Amino acid sequence: MKEGIHPKNYRLVAFKDMSNEEITVTRSAVSTKESIEIDGVEYPLFKLEISSSSHPFYTGKMKLVDSAGRVDKFMNKYKKHMER
């Protein structure tokens, strides 16, 4: 491996899927400002909108995860075209 190209700050980080509240703890070098306590241990927290635990490709379920209302805005805009 080349020297000096890999991050030095690997540590355990909690990744939280905001659509289904699932938390995964794994090693990462991502920078975070929040933290969370799990089983008495405090981990840096990184929030995700969607992950493999909530994405339709991995779950096999069609579920629209939309935190900004984009899907509703699209559906309302193109409602008349979809009724044909």
PDB file of N, CA and C in Angstrom:
ATOM      1  N   MET A   1       0.830  -1.186   0.000  1.00  0.00           N
ATOM      2  CA  MET A   1       0.000   0.000   0.000  1.00  0.00           C
ATOM      3  C   MET A   1       0.872   1.247   0.000  1.00  0.00           C
ATOM      4  N   LYS A   2       0.354   2.300  -0.589  1.00  0.00           N
ATOM      5  CA  LYS A   2       1.068   3.568  -0.591  1.00  0.00           C
ATOM      6  C   LYS A   2       1.014   4.185   0.793  1.00  0.00           C
ATOM      7  N   GLU A   3       2.068   4.833   1.153  1.00  0.00           N
ATOM      8  CA  GLU A   3       2.141   5.512   2.445  1.00  0.00           C
ATOM      9  C   GLU A   3       1.462   6.873   2.365  1.00  0.00           C
ATOM     10  N   GLY A   4       0.797   7.262   3.444  1.00  0.00           N
ATOM     11  CA  GLY A   4       0.253   8.596   3.581  1.00  0.00           C
ATOM     12  C   GLY A   4      -1.048   8.895   2.842  1.00  0.00           C
ATOM     13  N   ILE A   5      -1.715   7.893   2.253  1.00  0.00           N
ATOM     14  CA  ILE A   5      -2.959   8.186   1.536  1.00  0.00           C
ATOM     15  C   ILE A   5      -4.202   7.720   2.303  1.00  0.00           C
ATOM     16  N   HIS A   6      -4.021   6.958   3.352  1.00  0.00           N
ATOM     17  CA  HIS A   6      -5.147   6.447   4.112  1.00  0.00           C
ATOM     18  C   HIS A   6      -5.378   7.290   5.363  1.00  0.00           C
ATOM     19  N   PRO A   7      -6.652   7.510   5.741  1.00  0.00           N
ATOM     20  CA  PRO A   7      -6.935   8.326   6.932  1.00  0.00           C
ATOM     21  C   PRO A   7      -6.411   7.669   8.201  1.00  0.00           C
ATOM     22  N   LYS A   8      -6.037   8.493   9.153  1.00  0.00           N
ATOM     23  CA  LYS A   8      -5.481   7.996  10.420  1.00  0.00           C
ATOM     24  C   LYS A   8      -6.538   7.937  11.522  1.00  0.00           C
ATOM     25  N   ASN A   9      -7.708   8.523  11.295  1.00  0.00           N
ATOM     26  CA  ASN A   9      -8.693   8.652  12.367  1.00  0.00           C
ATOM     27  C   ASN A   9      -9.819   7.603  12.310  1.00  0.00           C
ATOM     28  N   TYR A  10      -9.506   6.363  11.970  1.00  0.00           N
ATOM     29  CA  TYR A  10     -10.515   5.305  12.005  1.00  0.00           C
ATOM     30  C   TYR A  10     -10.939   5.064  13.449  1.00  0.00           C
ATOM     31  N   ARG A  11     -12.253   4.938  13.649  1.00  0.00           N
ATOM     32  CA  ARG A  11     -12.789   4.655  14.975  1.00  0.00           C
ATOM     33  C   ARG A  11     -14.176   4.054  14.787  1.00  0.00           C
ATOM     34  N   LEU A  12     -14.779   3.552  15.857  1.00  0.00           N
ATOM     35  CA  LEU A  12     -16.138   3.035  15.776  1.00  0.00           C
ATOM     36  C   LEU A  12     -17.109   4.205  15.694  1.00  0.00           C
ATOM     37  N   VAL A  13     -18.044   4.143  14.734  1.00  0.00           N
ATOM     38  CA  VAL A  13     -19.028   5.195  14.504  1.00  0.00           C
ATOM     39  C   VAL A  13     -20.395   4.535  14.392  1.00  0.00           C
ATOM     40  N   ALA A  14     -21.430   5.171  14.972  1.00  0.00           N
ATOM     41  CA  ALA A  14     -22.808   4.690  14.859  1.00  0.00           C
ATOM     42  C   ALA A  14     -23.475   5.393  13.688  1.00  0.00           C
ATOM     43  N   PHE A  15     -23.997   4.611  12.746  1.00  0.00           N
ATOM     44  CA  PHE A  15     -24.748   5.129  11.610  1.00  0.00           C
ATOM     45  C   PHE A  15     -26.221   4.868  11.876  1.00  0.00           C
ATOM     46  N   LYS A  16     -27.046   5.932  11.874  1.00  0.00           N
ATOM     47  CA  LYS A  16     -28.465   5.802  12.186  1.00  0.00           C
ATOM     48  C   LYS A  16     -29.301   6.105  10.952  1.00  0.00           C
ATOM     49  N   ASP A  17     -30.100   5.132  10.527  1.00  0.00           N
ATOM     50  CA  ASP A  17     -31.028   5.304   9.416  1.00  0.00           C
ATOM     51  C   ASP A  17     -32.244   6.045   9.959  1.00  0.00           C
ATOM     52  N   MET A  18     -32.488   7.260   9.492  1.00  0.00           N
ATOM     53  CA  MET A  18     -33.547   8.091  10.038  1.00  0.00           C
ATOM     54  C   MET A  18     -34.939   7.640   9.602  1.00  0.00           C
ATOM     55  N   SER A  19     -35.050   6.799   8.563  1.00  0.00           N
ATOM     56  CA  SER A  19     -36.366   6.363   8.112  1.00  0.00           C
ATOM     57  C   SER A  19     -36.912   5.209   8.942  1.00  0.00           C
ATOM     58  N   ASN A  20     -36.035   4.383   9.518  1.00  0.00           N
ATOM     59  CA  ASN A  20     -36.527   3.268  10.334  1.00  0.00           C
ATOM     60  C   ASN A  20     -35.827   3.152  11.687  1.00  0.00           C
ATOM     61  N   GLU A  21     -35.017   4.153  12.030  1.00  0.00           N
ATOM     62  CA  GLU A  21     -34.357   4.246  13.341  1.00  0.00           C
ATOM     63  C   GLU A  21     -33.357   3.109  13.622  1.00  0.00           C
ATOM     64  N   GLU A  22     -32.932   2.362  12.605  1.00  0.00           N
ATOM     65  CA  GLU A  22     -31.959   1.290  12.815  1.00  0.00           C
ATOM     66  C   GLU A  22     -30.555   1.882  12.948  1.00  0.00           C
ATOM     67  N   ILE A  23     -29.792   1.359  13.889  1.00  0.00           N
ATOM     68  CA  ILE A  23     -28.449   1.860  14.156  1.00  0.00           C
ATOM     69  C   ILE A  23     -27.441   0.740  13.884  1.00  0.00           C
ATOM     70  N   THR A  24     -26.384   1.075  13.144  1.00  0.00           N
ATOM     71  CA  THR A  24     -25.307   0.145  12.844  1.00  0.00           C
ATOM     72  C   THR A  24     -24.008   0.767  13.328  1.00  0.00           C
ATOM     73  N   VAL A  25     -23.219   0.013  14.065  1.00  0.00           N
ATOM     74  CA  VAL A  25     -21.925   0.492  14.543  1.00  0.00           C
ATOM     75  C   VAL A  25     -20.835  -0.204  13.735  1.00  0.00           C
ATOM     76  N   THR A  26     -19.978   0.596  13.111  1.00  0.00           N
ATOM     77  CA  THR A  26     -18.876   0.060  12.308  1.00  0.00           C
ATOM     78  C   THR A  26     -17.718   1.054  12.331  1.00  0.00           C
ATOM     79  N   ARG A  27     -16.565   0.608  11.862  1.00  0.00           N
ATOM     80  CA  ARG A  27     -15.395   1.487  11.832  1.00  0.00           C
ATOM     81  C   ARG A  27     -15.483   2.427  10.639  1.00  0.00           C
ATOM     82  N   SER A  28     -15.151   3.703  10.875  1.00  0.00           N
ATOM     83  CA  SER A  28     -15.214   4.710   9.826  1.00  0.00           C
ATOM     84  C   SER A  28     -14.316   5.887  10.183  1.00  0.00           C
ATOM     85  N   ALA A  29     -14.025   6.707   9.179  1.00  0.00           N
ATOM     86  CA  ALA A  29     -13.252   7.927   9.381  1.00  0.00           C
ATOM     87  C   ALA A  29     -14.114   9.161   9.136  1.00  0.00           C
ATOM     88  N   VAL A  30     -15.444   8.983   9.061  1.00  0.00           N
ATOM     89  CA  VAL A  30     -16.350  10.096   8.806  1.00  0.00           C
ATOM     90  C   VAL A  30     -16.326  11.081   9.976  1.00  0.00           C
ATOM     91  N   SER A  31     -16.416  12.383   9.652  1.00  0.00           N
ATOM     92  CA  SER A  31     -16.421  13.381  10.723  1.00  0.00           C
ATOM     93  C   SER A  31     -17.865  13.646  11.154  1.00  0.00           C
ATOM     94  N   THR A  32     -18.084  13.743  12.460  1.00  0.00           N
ATOM     95  CA  THR A  32     -19.418  13.958  13.006  1.00  0.00           C
ATOM     96  C   THR A  32     -19.370  15.003  14.114  1.00  0.00           C
ATOM     97  N   LYS A  33     -20.542  15.586  14.395  1.00  0.00           N
ATOM     98  CA  LYS A  33     -20.645  16.545  15.487  1.00  0.00           C
ATOM     99  C   LYS A  33     -21.503  16.014  16.623  1.00  0.00           C
ATOM    100  N   GLU A  34     -22.317  14.987  16.346  1.00  0.00           N
ATOM    101  CA  GLU A  34     -23.223  14.429  17.347  1.00  0.00           C
ATOM    102  C   GLU A  34     -22.669  13.109  17.869  1.00  0.00           C
ATOM    103  N   SER A  35     -23.205  12.680  19.005  1.00  0.00           N
ATOM    104  CA  SER A  35     -22.824  11.382  19.551  1.00  0.00           C
ATOM    105  C   SER A  35     -24.062  10.713  20.122  1.00  0.00           C
ATOM    106  N   ILE A  36     -23.959   9.393  20.338  1.00  0.00           N
ATOM    107  CA  ILE A  36     -25.068   8.614  20.867  1.00  0.00           C
ATOM    108  C   ILE A  36     -24.497   7.557  21.808  1.00  0.00           C
ATOM    109  N   GLU A  37     -25.254   7.231  22.840  1.00  0.00           N
ATOM    110  CA  GLU A  37     -24.818   6.211  23.788  1.00  0.00           C
ATOM    111  C   GLU A  37     -25.569   4.915  23.496  1.00  0.00           C
ATOM    112  N   ILE A  38     -24.810   3.854  23.283  1.00  0.00           N
ATOM    113  CA  ILE A  38     -25.378   2.529  23.012  1.00  0.00           C
ATOM    114  C   ILE A  38     -24.746   1.552  23.985  1.00  0.00           C
ATOM    115  N   ASP A  39     -25.566   0.912  24.791  1.00  0.00           N
ATOM    116  CA  ASP A  39     -25.109  -0.068  25.783  1.00  0.00           C
ATOM    117  C   ASP A  39     -24.012   0.501  26.688  1.00  0.00           C
ATOM    118  N   GLY A  40     -24.145   1.751  27.082  1.00  0.00           N
ATOM    119  CA  GLY A  40     -23.200   2.372  27.993  1.00  0.00           C
ATOM    120  C   GLY A  40     -21.932   2.899  27.357  1.00  0.00           C
ATOM    121  N   VAL A  41     -21.821   2.781  26.030  1.00  0.00           N
ATOM    122  CA  VAL A  41     -20.634   3.260  25.313  1.00  0.00           C
ATOM    123  C   VAL A  41     -21.069   4.402  24.401  1.00  0.00           C
ATOM    124  N   GLU A  42     -20.310   5.495  24.412  1.00  0.00           N
ATOM    125  CA  GLU A  42     -20.644   6.645  23.578  1.00  0.00           C
ATOM    126  C   GLU A  42     -19.892   6.560  22.249  1.00  0.00           C
ATOM    127  N   TYR A  43     -20.658   6.702  21.143  1.00  0.00           N
ATOM    128  CA  TYR A  43     -20.105   6.637  19.795  1.00  0.00           C
ATOM    129  C   TYR A  43     -20.422   7.934  19.056  1.00  0.00           C
ATOM    130  N   PRO A  44     -19.569   8.349  18.117  1.00  0.00           N
ATOM    131  CA  PRO A  44     -19.931   9.451  17.227  1.00  0.00           C
ATOM    132  C   PRO A  44     -21.129   8.998  16.385  1.00  0.00           C
ATOM    133  N   LEU A  45     -22.070   9.900  16.087  1.00  0.00           N
ATOM    134  CA  LEU A  45     -23.296   9.555  15.367  1.00  0.00           C
ATOM    135  C   LEU A  45     -23.309  10.215  14.001  1.00  0.00           C
ATOM    136  N   PHE A  46     -23.578   9.410  12.967  1.00  0.00           N
ATOM    137  CA  PHE A  46     -23.757   9.909  11.606  1.00  0.00           C
ATOM    138  C   PHE A  46     -25.146   9.496  11.150  1.00  0.00           C
ATOM    139  N   LYS A  47     -25.983  10.479  10.767  1.00  0.00           N
ATOM    140  CA  LYS A  47     -27.369  10.199  10.382  1.00  0.00           C
ATOM    141  C   LYS A  47     -27.478  10.012   8.865  1.00  0.00           C
ATOM    142  N   LEU A  48     -28.234   8.970   8.472  1.00  0.00           N
ATOM    143  CA  LEU A  48     -28.465   8.647   7.070  1.00  0.00           C
ATOM    144  C   LEU A  48     -29.943   8.778   6.757  1.00  0.00           C
ATOM    145  N   GLU A  49     -30.286   9.252   5.557  1.00  0.00           N
ATOM    146  CA  GLU A  49     -31.691   9.283   5.155  1.00  0.00           C
ATOM    147  C   GLU A  49     -32.157   7.903   4.742  1.00  0.00           C
ATOM    148  N   ILE A  50     -31.288   7.133   4.112  1.00  0.00           N
ATOM    149  CA  ILE A  50     -31.655   5.812   3.630  1.00  0.00           C
ATOM    150  C   ILE A  50     -30.420   4.923   3.679  1.00  0.00           C
ATOM    151  N   SER A  51     -30.628   3.665   4.011  1.00  0.00           N
ATOM    152  CA  SER A  51     -29.522   2.710   4.054  1.00  0.00           C
ATOM    153  C   SER A  51     -30.010   1.376   3.497  1.00  0.00           C
ATOM    154  N   SER A  52     -29.185   0.371   3.561  1.00  0.00           N
ATOM    155  CA  SER A  52     -29.593  -0.941   3.049  1.00  0.00           C
ATOM    156  C   SER A  52     -30.745  -1.535   3.849  1.00  0.00           C
ATOM    157  N   SER A  53     -30.957  -1.087   5.078  1.00  0.00           N
ATOM    158  CA  SER A  53     -32.065  -1.617   5.871  1.00  0.00           C
ATOM    159  C   SER A  53     -33.405  -0.993   5.506  1.00  0.00           C
ATOM    160  N   SER A  54     -33.404   0.101   4.726  1.00  0.00           N
ATOM    161  CA  SER A  54     -34.663   0.731   4.350  1.00  0.00           C
ATOM    162  C   SER A  54     -34.816   0.932   2.841  1.00  0.00           C
ATOM    163  N   HIS A  55     -33.784   0.666   2.059  1.00  0.00           N
ATOM    164  CA  HIS A  55     -33.857   0.874   0.615  1.00  0.00           C
ATOM    165  C   HIS A  55     -34.680  -0.242  -0.033  1.00  0.00           C
ATOM    166  N   PRO A  56     -35.607   0.104  -0.937  1.00  0.00           N
ATOM    167  CA  PRO A  56     -36.465  -0.913  -1.551  1.00  0.00           C
ATOM    168  C   PRO A  56     -35.703  -2.009  -2.290  1.00  0.00           C
ATOM    169  N   PHE A  57     -34.546  -1.711  -2.846  1.00  0.00           N
ATOM    170  CA  PHE A  57     -33.777  -2.730  -3.555  1.00  0.00           C
ATOM    171  C   PHE A  57     -33.361  -3.857  -2.610  1.00  0.00           C
ATOM    172  N   TYR A  58     -32.977  -3.524  -1.393  1.00  0.00           N
ATOM    173  CA  TYR A  58     -32.509  -4.524  -0.437  1.00  0.00           C
ATOM    174  C   TYR A  58     -33.646  -5.142   0.374  1.00  0.00           C
ATOM    175  N   THR A  59     -34.721  -4.394   0.616  1.00  0.00           N
ATOM    176  CA  THR A  59     -35.815  -4.908   1.432  1.00  0.00           C
ATOM    177  C   THR A  59     -36.856  -5.647   0.616  1.00  0.00           C
ATOM    178  N   GLY A  60     -36.956  -5.353  -0.681  1.00  0.00           N
ATOM    179  CA  GLY A  60     -37.965  -5.975  -1.523  1.00  0.00           C
ATOM    180  C   GLY A  60     -39.329  -5.334  -1.373  1.00  0.00           C
ATOM    181  N   LYS A  61     -39.437  -4.264  -0.623  1.00  0.00           N
ATOM    182  CA  LYS A  61     -40.700  -3.564  -0.408  1.00  0.00           C
ATOM    183  C   LYS A  61     -40.619  -2.194  -1.051  1.00  0.00           C
ATOM    184  N   MET A  62     -41.702  -1.796  -1.697  1.00  0.00           N
ATOM    185  CA  MET A  62     -41.749  -0.454  -2.251  1.00  0.00           C
ATOM    186  C   MET A  62     -42.225   0.489  -1.163  1.00  0.00           C
ATOM    187  N   LYS A  63     -41.339   1.327  -0.704  1.00  0.00           N
ATOM    188  CA  LYS A  63     -41.653   2.286   0.344  1.00  0.00           C
ATOM    189  C   LYS A  63     -41.020   3.603  -0.045  1.00  0.00           C
ATOM    190  N   LEU A  64     -41.816   4.645  -0.122  1.00  0.00           N
ATOM    191  CA  LEU A  64     -41.293   5.946  -0.479  1.00  0.00           C
ATOM    192  C   LEU A  64     -40.816   6.646   0.777  1.00  0.00           C
ATOM    193  N   VAL A  65     -39.519   6.884   0.850  1.00  0.00           N
ATOM    194  CA  VAL A  65     -38.931   7.603   1.972  1.00  0.00           C
ATOM    195  C   VAL A  65     -38.653   9.013   1.480  1.00  0.00           C
ATOM    196  N   ASP A  66     -39.360   9.967   2.044  1.00  0.00           N
ATOM    197  CA  ASP A  66     -39.250  11.332   1.556  1.00  0.00           C
ATOM    198  C   ASP A  66     -39.357  12.299   2.713  1.00  0.00           C
ATOM    199  N   SER A  67     -38.258  12.914   3.054  1.00  0.00           N
ATOM    200  CA  SER A  67     -38.273  13.841   4.187  1.00  0.00           C
ATOM    201  C   SER A  67     -38.561  15.275   3.767  1.00  0.00           C
ATOM    202  N   ALA A  68     -38.455  15.570   2.488  1.00  0.00           N
ATOM    203  CA  ALA A  68     -38.626  16.957   2.044  1.00  0.00           C
ATOM    204  C   ALA A  68     -39.926  17.172   1.277  1.00  0.00           C
ATOM    205  N   GLY A  69     -40.775  16.162   1.129  1.00  0.00           N
ATOM    206  CA  GLY A  69     -42.042  16.317   0.424  1.00  0.00           C
ATOM    207  C   GLY A  69     -41.906  16.294  -1.085  1.00  0.00           C
ATOM    208  N   ARG A  70     -40.788  15.842  -1.603  1.00  0.00           N
ATOM    209  CA  ARG A  70     -40.566  15.857  -3.046  1.00  0.00           C
ATOM    210  C   ARG A  70     -41.494  14.892  -3.776  1.00  0.00           C
ATOM    211  N   VAL A  71     -41.757  13.733  -3.186  1.00  0.00           N
ATOM    212  CA  VAL A  71     -42.626  12.761  -3.841  1.00  0.00           C
ATOM    213  C   VAL A  71     -44.051  13.301  -3.919  1.00  0.00           C
ATOM    214  N   ASP A  72     -44.552  13.881  -2.832  1.00  0.00           N
ATOM    215  CA  ASP A  72     -45.897  14.453  -2.843  1.00  0.00           C
ATOM    216  C   ASP A  72     -46.008  15.582  -3.860  1.00  0.00           C
ATOM    217  N   LYS A  73     -44.998  16.414  -3.942  1.00  0.00           N
ATOM    218  CA  LYS A  73     -45.001  17.516  -4.898  1.00  0.00           C
ATOM    219  C   LYS A  73     -45.050  16.976  -6.327  1.00  0.00           C
ATOM    220  N   PHE A  74     -44.278  15.928  -6.605  1.00  0.00           N
ATOM    221  CA  PHE A  74     -44.273  15.314  -7.932  1.00  0.00           C
ATOM    222  C   PHE A  74     -45.629  14.698  -8.246  1.00  0.00           C
ATOM    223  N   MET A  75     -46.194  13.963  -7.277  1.00  0.00           N
ATOM    224  CA  MET A  75     -47.483  13.296  -7.495  1.00  0.00           C
ATOM    225  C   MET A  75     -48.582  14.317  -7.770  1.00  0.00           C
ATOM    226  N   ASN A  76     -48.603  15.415  -7.035  1.00  0.00           N
ATOM    227  CA  ASN A  76     -49.614  16.447  -7.253  1.00  0.00           C
ATOM    228  C   ASN A  76     -49.437  17.132  -8.607  1.00  0.00           C
ATOM    229  N   LYS A  77     -48.204  17.358  -9.000  1.00  0.00           N
ATOM    230  CA  LYS A  77     -47.924  18.050 -10.242  1.00  0.00           C
ATOM    231  C   LYS A  77     -48.338  17.227 -11.458  1.00  0.00           C
ATOM    232  N   TYR A  78     -48.091  15.910 -11.398  1.00  0.00           N
ATOM    233  CA  TYR A  78     -48.340  15.043 -12.544  1.00  0.00           C
ATOM    234  C   TYR A  78     -49.554  14.123 -12.350  1.00  0.00           C
ATOM    235  N   LYS A  79     -50.432  14.486 -11.442  1.00  0.00           N
ATOM    236  CA  LYS A  79     -51.616  13.668 -11.142  1.00  0.00           C
ATOM    237  C   LYS A  79     -52.494  13.494 -12.391  1.00  0.00           C
ATOM    238  N   LYS A  80     -52.731  14.567 -13.125  1.00  0.00           N
ATOM    239  CA  LYS A  80     -53.616  14.487 -14.298  1.00  0.00           C
ATOM    240  C   LYS A  80     -53.017  13.621 -15.406  1.00  0.00           C
ATOM    241  N   HIS A  81     -51.683  13.586 -15.515  1.00  0.00           N
ATOM    242  CA  HIS A  81     -51.034  12.758 -16.540  1.00  0.00           C
ATOM    243  C   HIS A  81     -51.069  11.288 -16.168  1.00  0.00           C
ATOM    244  N   MET A  82     -51.133  10.988 -14.890  1.00  0.00           N
ATOM    245  CA  MET A  82     -51.107   9.603 -14.430  1.00  0.00           C
ATOM    246  C   MET A  82     -52.482   8.958 -14.481  1.00  0.00           C
ATOM    247  N   GLU A  83     -53.551   9.759 -14.605  1.00  0.00           N
ATOM    248  CA  GLU A  83     -54.915   9.228 -14.617  1.00  0.00           C
ATOM    249  C   GLU A  83     -55.309   8.688 -15.988  1.00  0.00           C
ATOM    250  N   ARG A  84     -54.556   8.924 -16.997  1.00  0.00           N
ATOM    251  CA  ARG A  84     -54.888   8.475 -18.357  1.00  0.00           C
ATOM    252  C   ARG A  84     -54.799   7.006 -18.503  1.00  0.00           C
TER     253      ARG A  84
END
